[in-house]
Amino acid sequence: MVRPLNRANDMNIMKLIERYDSDDKCRATLEKLRWPLGVRCIRCQSEKVFRAQKRNQFECGDCGGVRAGAIGER
């Protein structure tokens, strides 16, 4: 079934730029989309995950696993 176009609600590049005008806003939204229940380690599923600010990565406090960025490896 084809979804009808709703021109009033369509997203465009200008709306995206206005909505996510900084890397921090964009990163926060992507993190919520990827981990709606909170960040977890992909190796051991621990909730003891913290952000290593210098490298912009998540690290697991239990198994030491490292994940690059908020949306996957780069």
N, C-alpha and C. Protein backbone atom coordinates (compact mmCIF):
# COMPACT_ATOMS: atom_id res chain seq x y z
N MET A 1 0.84 -1.19 0.00
CA MET A 1 0.00 0.00 0.00
C MET A 1 0.89 1.25 0.00
N VAL A 2 0.60 2.15 -0.87
CA VAL A 2 1.38 3.36 -1.00
C VAL A 2 0.89 4.40 0.00
N ARG A 3 1.82 4.98 0.71
CA ARG A 3 1.49 6.01 1.69
C ARG A 3 1.26 7.34 0.97
N PRO A 4 0.16 8.02 1.24
CA PRO A 4 -0.08 9.31 0.59
C PRO A 4 0.92 10.36 1.09
N LEU A 5 1.30 11.26 0.21
CA LEU A 5 2.20 12.33 0.59
C LEU A 5 1.46 13.38 1.39
N ASN A 6 2.09 13.85 2.45
CA ASN A 6 1.55 14.93 3.25
C ASN A 6 2.57 16.05 3.21
N ARG A 7 2.44 16.91 2.25
CA ARG A 7 3.44 17.95 2.00
C ARG A 7 3.68 18.85 3.21
N ALA A 8 2.66 19.08 4.03
CA ALA A 8 2.80 19.98 5.18
C ALA A 8 3.76 19.40 6.21
N ASN A 9 3.86 18.08 6.32
CA ASN A 9 4.70 17.46 7.33
C ASN A 9 5.99 16.87 6.79
N ASP A 10 6.22 16.96 5.49
CA ASP A 10 7.44 16.41 4.91
C ASP A 10 8.66 17.12 5.48
N MET A 11 9.72 16.34 5.77
CA MET A 11 10.96 16.90 6.27
C MET A 11 11.83 17.29 5.08
N ASN A 12 12.50 18.41 5.20
CA ASN A 12 13.45 18.82 4.18
C ASN A 12 14.75 19.23 4.85
N ILE A 13 15.76 19.48 4.06
CA ILE A 13 17.08 19.75 4.61
C ILE A 13 17.09 20.98 5.51
N MET A 14 16.35 22.00 5.19
CA MET A 14 16.32 23.21 6.02
C MET A 14 15.68 22.92 7.37
N LYS A 15 14.63 22.12 7.39
CA LYS A 15 14.00 21.75 8.67
C LYS A 15 14.96 20.93 9.52
N LEU A 16 15.70 20.04 8.88
CA LEU A 16 16.68 19.24 9.62
C LEU A 16 17.77 20.11 10.22
N ILE A 17 18.27 21.05 9.46
CA ILE A 17 19.32 21.95 9.95
C ILE A 17 18.81 22.77 11.12
N GLU A 18 17.58 23.26 11.03
CA GLU A 18 17.00 24.04 12.13
C GLU A 18 16.80 23.18 13.38
N ARG A 19 16.34 21.97 13.19
CA ARG A 19 16.03 21.09 14.32
C ARG A 19 17.28 20.56 15.01
N TYR A 20 18.29 20.22 14.21
CA TYR A 20 19.53 19.66 14.74
C TYR A 20 20.69 20.57 14.39
N ASP A 21 20.69 21.74 14.99
CA ASP A 21 21.67 22.76 14.64
C ASP A 21 23.03 22.58 15.32
N SER A 22 23.18 21.48 16.06
CA SER A 22 24.48 21.19 16.66
C SER A 22 24.72 19.69 16.68
N ASP A 23 25.98 19.30 16.75
CA ASP A 23 26.32 17.88 16.81
C ASP A 23 25.72 17.23 18.06
N ASP A 24 25.71 17.97 19.16
CA ASP A 24 25.18 17.42 20.41
C ASP A 24 23.69 17.09 20.31
N LYS A 25 22.92 17.96 19.69
CA LYS A 25 21.48 17.69 19.52
C LYS A 25 21.26 16.48 18.62
N CYS A 26 22.00 16.42 17.55
CA CYS A 26 21.89 15.31 16.61
C CYS A 26 22.30 14.00 17.30
N ARG A 27 23.41 14.01 18.01
CA ARG A 27 23.91 12.82 18.69
C ARG A 27 22.91 12.33 19.73
N ALA A 28 22.32 13.25 20.50
CA ALA A 28 21.34 12.87 21.52
C ALA A 28 20.13 12.19 20.89
N THR A 29 19.65 12.71 19.78
CA THR A 29 18.50 12.11 19.10
C THR A 29 18.85 10.73 18.56
N LEU A 30 20.01 10.59 17.95
CA LEU A 30 20.42 9.29 17.41
C LEU A 30 20.61 8.26 18.53
N GLU A 31 21.14 8.69 19.67
CA GLU A 31 21.29 7.78 20.80
C GLU A 31 19.95 7.29 21.31
N LYS A 32 18.97 8.20 21.38
CA LYS A 32 17.62 7.81 21.82
C LYS A 32 16.98 6.83 20.84
N LEU A 33 17.23 7.02 19.56
CA LEU A 33 16.69 6.11 18.56
C LEU A 33 17.35 4.73 18.64
N ARG A 34 18.66 4.71 18.82
CA ARG A 34 19.38 3.43 18.85
C ARG A 34 19.16 2.69 20.17
N TRP A 35 19.14 3.43 21.28
CA TRP A 35 19.01 2.82 22.60
C TRP A 35 17.84 3.46 23.36
N PRO A 36 16.60 3.16 22.98
CA PRO A 36 15.45 3.81 23.62
C PRO A 36 15.34 3.52 25.13
N LEU A 37 15.91 2.41 25.59
CA LEU A 37 15.86 2.07 27.02
C LEU A 37 17.17 2.39 27.74
N GLY A 38 18.06 3.10 27.08
CA GLY A 38 19.34 3.45 27.65
C GLY A 38 20.46 2.66 27.00
N VAL A 39 21.66 3.22 27.04
CA VAL A 39 22.81 2.60 26.41
C VAL A 39 23.19 1.33 27.15
N ARG A 40 23.46 0.27 26.40
CA ARG A 40 23.91 -1.02 26.96
C ARG A 40 25.11 -1.49 26.15
N CYS A 41 25.95 -2.27 26.80
CA CYS A 41 27.09 -2.86 26.13
C CYS A 41 26.60 -3.92 25.14
N ILE A 42 27.15 -3.91 23.93
CA ILE A 42 26.71 -4.90 22.94
C ILE A 42 27.33 -6.27 23.20
N ARG A 43 28.42 -6.32 23.96
CA ARG A 43 29.04 -7.61 24.28
C ARG A 43 28.32 -8.33 25.42
N CYS A 44 28.16 -7.64 26.55
CA CYS A 44 27.65 -8.31 27.75
C CYS A 44 26.29 -7.80 28.20
N GLN A 45 25.74 -6.81 27.51
CA GLN A 45 24.43 -6.21 27.81
C GLN A 45 24.39 -5.47 29.14
N SER A 46 25.55 -5.13 29.69
CA SER A 46 25.62 -4.40 30.95
C SER A 46 25.10 -2.97 30.76
N GLU A 47 24.52 -2.44 31.81
CA GLU A 47 24.08 -1.03 31.81
C GLU A 47 25.18 -0.12 32.36
N LYS A 48 26.30 -0.70 32.79
CA LYS A 48 27.40 0.07 33.35
C LYS A 48 28.28 0.62 32.22
N VAL A 49 27.69 1.44 31.40
CA VAL A 49 28.36 2.02 30.25
C VAL A 49 28.57 3.51 30.52
N PHE A 50 29.76 3.99 30.20
CA PHE A 50 30.03 5.41 30.39
C PHE A 50 30.66 5.97 29.12
N ARG A 51 30.58 7.27 29.00
CA ARG A 51 31.09 7.95 27.81
C ARG A 51 32.52 8.41 28.07
N ALA A 52 33.43 7.98 27.21
CA ALA A 52 34.81 8.44 27.26
C ALA A 52 34.86 9.72 26.42
N GLN A 53 34.81 10.86 27.07
CA GLN A 53 34.67 12.15 26.39
C GLN A 53 35.76 12.44 25.37
N LYS A 54 37.00 12.14 25.71
CA LYS A 54 38.10 12.49 24.80
C LYS A 54 37.96 11.80 23.45
N ARG A 55 37.47 10.55 23.46
CA ARG A 55 37.38 9.78 22.21
C ARG A 55 35.96 9.73 21.66
N ASN A 56 34.99 10.32 22.37
CA ASN A 56 33.59 10.28 21.95
C ASN A 56 33.13 8.83 21.72
N GLN A 57 33.44 7.99 22.69
CA GLN A 57 33.07 6.58 22.62
C GLN A 57 32.38 6.18 23.92
N PHE A 58 31.70 5.04 23.86
CA PHE A 58 31.13 4.43 25.05
C PHE A 58 32.05 3.30 25.48
N GLU A 59 32.26 3.15 26.78
CA GLU A 59 33.04 2.05 27.31
C GLU A 59 32.22 1.33 28.37
N CYS A 60 32.36 0.01 28.41
CA CYS A 60 31.64 -0.81 29.38
C CYS A 60 32.46 -0.93 30.65
N GLY A 61 31.82 -0.70 31.78
CA GLY A 61 32.49 -0.83 33.06
C GLY A 61 32.66 -2.26 33.51
N ASP A 62 31.93 -3.19 32.89
CA ASP A 62 32.03 -4.60 33.26
C ASP A 62 33.05 -5.35 32.41
N CYS A 63 32.88 -5.34 31.10
CA CYS A 63 33.75 -6.15 30.24
C CYS A 63 34.82 -5.33 29.53
N GLY A 64 34.74 -4.00 29.61
CA GLY A 64 35.74 -3.16 28.98
C GLY A 64 35.52 -2.94 27.50
N GLY A 65 34.38 -3.38 26.98
CA GLY A 65 34.06 -3.19 25.56
C GLY A 65 33.99 -1.72 25.20
N VAL A 66 34.41 -1.40 23.99
CA VAL A 66 34.42 -0.02 23.51
C VAL A 66 33.59 0.06 22.26
N ARG A 67 32.75 1.09 22.17
CA ARG A 67 31.96 1.36 20.97
C ARG A 67 32.28 2.75 20.50
N ALA A 68 32.55 2.91 19.23
CA ALA A 68 32.86 4.22 18.66
C ALA A 68 31.59 5.01 18.44
N GLY A 69 31.60 6.25 18.88
CA GLY A 69 30.49 7.15 18.61
C GLY A 69 29.16 6.69 19.14
N ALA A 70 28.12 7.38 18.78
CA ALA A 70 26.79 7.07 19.27
C ALA A 70 26.01 6.21 18.29
N ILE A 71 26.46 6.15 17.05
CA ILE A 71 25.65 5.44 16.06
C ILE A 71 26.40 4.31 15.39
N GLY A 72 27.52 3.90 15.91
CA GLY A 72 28.23 2.77 15.35
C GLY A 72 29.67 3.08 15.08
N GLU A 73 30.41 2.07 14.65
CA GLU A 73 31.82 2.27 14.39
C GLU A 73 32.04 3.20 13.20
N ARG A 74 33.13 3.89 13.25
CA ARG A 74 33.49 4.79 12.15
C ARG A 74 34.69 4.25 11.45
